[in-house]
């Protein structure tokens, strides 16, 4: 007796990060003024600061083979592979106040932040349990 194996469609994965309208508009402005065309904006996390980690933004000349690619509001965000688990569920906003303007990360994986807000403590997101086949 042979068992036929059929592929079932994969359900869409949620985006690792999302952008608010303000953040998307600001990224579009930045990319439009860049000195050359870029594949997107690379987002990552690096060790540093008094709380242990800092968010990193930089132009991405090309997509890396292991980058997580997020398309949101006509913006391409490339996420470094080592940062994915630290950024799952994050919303990136852009805030303008009387004294500053900056990107702000609303990250459910943050467990602490320094007083100046420049560095954070982030725990990797827990792996979601597989849905039951029943």
C-alpha atoms as a PDB file:
ATOM      1  CA  UNK A   1       0.000   0.000   0.000  1.00  0.00           C
ATOM      2  CA  UNK A   2       1.420   3.363  -1.045  1.00  0.00           C
ATOM      3  CA  UNK A   3       0.727   6.509   0.865  1.00  0.00           C
ATOM      4  CA  UNK A   4       0.286   9.604  -1.215  1.00  0.00           C
ATOM      5  CA  UNK A   5       1.855  12.715   0.185  1.00  0.00           C
ATOM      6  CA  UNK A   6       0.143  15.906  -0.740  1.00  0.00           C
ATOM      7  CA  UNK A   7       1.481  19.326  -0.017  1.00  0.00           C
ATOM      8  CA  UNK A   8      -0.879  21.530   1.876  1.00  0.00           C
ATOM      9  CA  UNK A   9      -0.745  25.242   1.339  1.00  0.00           C
ATOM     10  CA  UNK A  10       1.282  27.164   3.873  1.00  0.00           C
ATOM     11  CA  UNK A  11      -0.611  29.744   5.784  1.00  0.00           C
ATOM     12  CA  UNK A  12       0.874  33.197   5.441  1.00  0.00           C
ATOM     13  CA  UNK A  13       3.393  34.122   8.093  1.00  0.00           C
ATOM     14  CA  UNK A  14       2.847  37.338  10.004  1.00  0.00           C
ATOM     15  CA  UNK A  15       5.260  40.159   9.235  1.00  0.00           C
ATOM     16  CA  UNK A  16       8.207  40.388  11.606  1.00  0.00           C
ATOM     17  CA  UNK A  17       7.805  44.170  11.784  1.00  0.00           C
ATOM     18  CA  UNK A  18       5.146  46.621  10.666  1.00  0.00           C
ATOM     19  CA  UNK A  19       5.344  50.350  10.001  1.00  0.00           C
ATOM     20  CA  UNK A  20       2.982  53.089  11.034  1.00  0.00           C
ATOM     21  CA  UNK A  21       1.919  55.511   8.312  1.00  0.00           C
ATOM     22  CA  UNK A  22       4.324  58.111   9.750  1.00  0.00           C
ATOM     23  CA  UNK A  23       7.276  55.695   9.703  1.00  0.00           C
ATOM     24  CA  UNK A  24       6.510  54.559   6.153  1.00  0.00           C
ATOM     25  CA  UNK A  25       6.302  58.170   4.947  1.00  0.00           C
ATOM     26  CA  UNK A  26       9.637  59.031   6.601  1.00  0.00           C
ATOM     27  CA  UNK A  27      11.394  55.960   5.168  1.00  0.00           C
ATOM     28  CA  UNK A  28      10.086  56.867   1.702  1.00  0.00           C
ATOM     29  CA  UNK A  29      11.484  60.401   2.128  1.00  0.00           C
ATOM     30  CA  UNK A  30      14.863  59.074   3.242  1.00  0.00           C
ATOM     31  CA  UNK A  31      15.066  56.566   0.406  1.00  0.00           C
ATOM     32  CA  UNK A  32      14.044  59.203  -2.179  1.00  0.00           C
ATOM     33  CA  UNK A  33      16.919  61.459  -1.045  1.00  0.00           C
ATOM     34  CA  UNK A  34      19.535  58.665  -0.978  1.00  0.00           C
ATOM     35  CA  UNK A  35      22.606  59.189  -3.145  1.00  0.00           C
ATOM     36  CA  UNK A  36      21.837  56.031  -5.146  1.00  0.00           C
ATOM     37  CA  UNK A  37      19.061  53.421  -5.409  1.00  0.00           C
ATOM     38  CA  UNK A  38      18.959  50.877  -2.598  1.00  0.00           C
ATOM     39  CA  UNK A  39      17.191  47.528  -2.218  1.00  0.00           C
ATOM     40  CA  UNK A  40      15.617  48.710   1.019  1.00  0.00           C
ATOM     41  CA  UNK A  41      16.276  49.769   4.553  1.00  0.00           C
ATOM     42  CA  UNK A  42      18.108  47.205   6.694  1.00  0.00           C
ATOM     43  CA  UNK A  43      16.955  46.883  10.312  1.00  0.00           C
ATOM     44  CA  UNK A  44      18.958  45.030  12.914  1.00  0.00           C
ATOM     45  CA  UNK A  45      19.919  44.790  16.543  1.00  0.00           C
ATOM     46  CA  UNK A  46      23.452  45.147  17.872  1.00  0.00           C
ATOM     47  CA  UNK A  47      25.046  44.801  21.271  1.00  0.00           C
ATOM     48  CA  UNK A  48      25.618  48.158  22.894  1.00  0.00           C
ATOM     49  CA  UNK A  49      24.337  50.855  25.175  1.00  0.00           C
ATOM     50  CA  UNK A  50      23.720  50.658  28.879  1.00  0.00           C
ATOM     51  CA  UNK A  51      20.709  48.324  28.524  1.00  0.00           C
ATOM     52  CA  UNK A  52      22.518  45.822  26.272  1.00  0.00           C
ATOM     53  CA  UNK A  53      21.084  46.263  22.740  1.00  0.00           C
ATOM     54  CA  UNK A  54      20.504  48.999  20.206  1.00  0.00           C
ATOM     55  CA  UNK A  55      18.369  49.105  17.078  1.00  0.00           C
ATOM     56  CA  UNK A  56      20.249  49.709  13.836  1.00  0.00           C
ATOM     57  CA  UNK A  57      19.049  51.265  10.568  1.00  0.00           C
ATOM     58  CA  UNK A  58      21.150  51.430   7.403  1.00  0.00           C
ATOM     59  CA  UNK A  59      20.758  51.523   3.659  1.00  0.00           C
ATOM     60  CA  UNK A  60      20.835  48.045   2.094  1.00  0.00           C
ATOM     61  CA  UNK A  61      22.584  47.961  -1.266  1.00  0.00           C
ATOM     62  CA  UNK A  62      21.205  44.491  -1.926  1.00  0.00           C
ATOM     63  CA  UNK A  63      19.131  41.770  -0.311  1.00  0.00           C
ATOM     64  CA  UNK A  64      21.201  39.290   1.634  1.00  0.00           C
ATOM     65  CA  UNK A  65      20.473  35.604   1.001  1.00  0.00           C
ATOM     66  CA  UNK A  66      19.197  35.115   4.554  1.00  0.00           C
ATOM     67  CA  UNK A  67      17.463  38.482   5.041  1.00  0.00           C
ATOM     68  CA  UNK A  68      13.829  38.468   6.106  1.00  0.00           C
ATOM     69  CA  UNK A  69      12.081  40.746   3.608  1.00  0.00           C
ATOM     70  CA  UNK A  70       9.097  42.754   4.821  1.00  0.00           C
ATOM     71  CA  UNK A  71       7.011  44.791   2.404  1.00  0.00           C
ATOM     72  CA  UNK A  72       4.738  47.191   4.268  1.00  0.00           C
ATOM     73  CA  UNK A  73       3.030  50.344   2.961  1.00  0.00           C
ATOM     74  CA  UNK A  74       5.213  50.340  -0.188  1.00  0.00           C
ATOM     75  CA  UNK A  75       8.419  50.199   1.880  1.00  0.00           C
ATOM     76  CA  UNK A  76      10.959  47.370   1.759  1.00  0.00           C
ATOM     77  CA  UNK A  77      12.520  46.488   5.095  1.00  0.00           C
ATOM     78  CA  UNK A  78      15.334  43.909   5.194  1.00  0.00           C
ATOM     79  CA  UNK A  79      15.859  42.317   8.578  1.00  0.00           C
ATOM     80  CA  UNK A  80      19.183  40.788   9.506  1.00  0.00           C
ATOM     81  CA  UNK A  81      18.751  37.057  10.171  1.00  0.00           C
ATOM     82  CA  UNK A  82      20.143  37.263  13.714  1.00  0.00           C
ATOM     83  CA  UNK A  83      17.654  40.024  14.596  1.00  0.00           C
ATOM     84  CA  UNK A  84      14.430  38.308  13.497  1.00  0.00           C
ATOM     85  CA  UNK A  85      13.614  36.625  16.825  1.00  0.00           C
ATOM     86  CA  UNK A  86      14.268  39.889  18.674  1.00  0.00           C
ATOM     87  CA  UNK A  87      11.962  41.916  16.410  1.00  0.00           C
ATOM     88  CA  UNK A  88       8.919  39.652  15.950  1.00  0.00           C
ATOM     89  CA  UNK A  89       5.774  41.693  16.562  1.00  0.00           C
ATOM     90  CA  UNK A  90       7.530  45.077  16.492  1.00  0.00           C
ATOM     91  CA  UNK A  91       5.823  48.190  15.178  1.00  0.00           C
ATOM     92  CA  UNK A  92       8.151  50.928  13.946  1.00  0.00           C
ATOM     93  CA  UNK A  93       6.805  54.459  14.327  1.00  0.00           C
ATOM     94  CA  UNK A  94       8.210  57.906  13.559  1.00  0.00           C
ATOM     95  CA  UNK A  95       7.567  60.594  16.144  1.00  0.00           C
ATOM     96  CA  UNK A  96       8.080  64.327  15.936  1.00  0.00           C
ATOM     97  CA  UNK A  97       8.120  66.405  19.113  1.00  0.00           C
ATOM     98  CA  UNK A  98       9.143  69.994  19.823  1.00  0.00           C
ATOM     99  CA  UNK A  99      12.703  68.919  20.573  1.00  0.00           C
ATOM    100  CA  UNK A 100      13.339  65.866  18.408  1.00  0.00           C
ATOM    101  CA  UNK A 101      12.232  63.544  15.652  1.00  0.00           C
ATOM    102  CA  UNK A 102      13.077  59.860  15.668  1.00  0.00           C
ATOM    103  CA  UNK A 103      12.050  56.338  14.817  1.00  0.00           C
ATOM    104  CA  UNK A 104      10.510  54.549  17.772  1.00  0.00           C
ATOM    105  CA  UNK A 105      10.283  50.778  18.141  1.00  0.00           C
ATOM    106  CA  UNK A 106       7.234  49.377  19.931  1.00  0.00           C
ATOM    107  CA  UNK A 107       8.672  45.925  20.580  1.00  0.00           C
ATOM    108  CA  UNK A 108       6.780  43.366  22.700  1.00  0.00           C
ATOM    109  CA  UNK A 109      10.080  41.539  23.267  1.00  0.00           C
ATOM    110  CA  UNK A 110      11.672  44.439  25.163  1.00  0.00           C
ATOM    111  CA  UNK A 111      12.056  43.765  28.847  1.00  0.00           C
ATOM    112  CA  UNK A 112      13.872  46.965  29.855  1.00  0.00           C
ATOM    113  CA  UNK A 113      15.205  50.237  28.453  1.00  0.00           C
ATOM    114  CA  UNK A 114      17.790  52.750  29.587  1.00  0.00           C
ATOM    115  CA  UNK A 115      16.712  56.176  30.818  1.00  0.00           C
ATOM    116  CA  UNK A 116      17.657  57.996  27.608  1.00  0.00           C
ATOM    117  CA  UNK A 117      15.802  55.491  25.434  1.00  0.00           C
ATOM    118  CA  UNK A 118      18.798  54.749  23.209  1.00  0.00           C
ATOM    119  CA  UNK A 119      19.265  51.136  24.258  1.00  0.00           C
ATOM    120  CA  UNK A 120      17.015  48.275  25.326  1.00  0.00           C
ATOM    121  CA  UNK A 121      17.062  44.791  26.761  1.00  0.00           C
ATOM    122  CA  UNK A 122      15.369  42.364  24.370  1.00  0.00           C
ATOM    123  CA  UNK A 123      14.497  38.702  24.826  1.00  0.00           C
ATOM    124  CA  UNK A 124      14.021  36.499  21.743  1.00  0.00           C
ATOM    125  CA  UNK A 125      10.384  35.790  20.966  1.00  0.00           C
ATOM    126  CA  UNK A 126       9.188  32.402  22.132  1.00  0.00           C
ATOM    127  CA  UNK A 127       8.483  29.908  19.387  1.00  0.00           C
ATOM    128  CA  UNK A 128       4.774  29.653  18.672  1.00  0.00           C
ATOM    129  CA  UNK A 129       3.342  26.170  19.214  1.00  0.00           C
ATOM    130  CA  UNK A 130       2.253  24.333  16.063  1.00  0.00           C
ATOM    131  CA  UNK A 131      -1.447  24.356  15.404  1.00  0.00           C
ATOM    132  CA  UNK A 132      -3.176  21.080  16.137  1.00  0.00           C
ATOM    133  CA  UNK A 133      -4.006  18.858  13.166  1.00  0.00           C
ATOM    134  CA  UNK A 134      -7.342  17.778  14.734  1.00  0.00           C
END
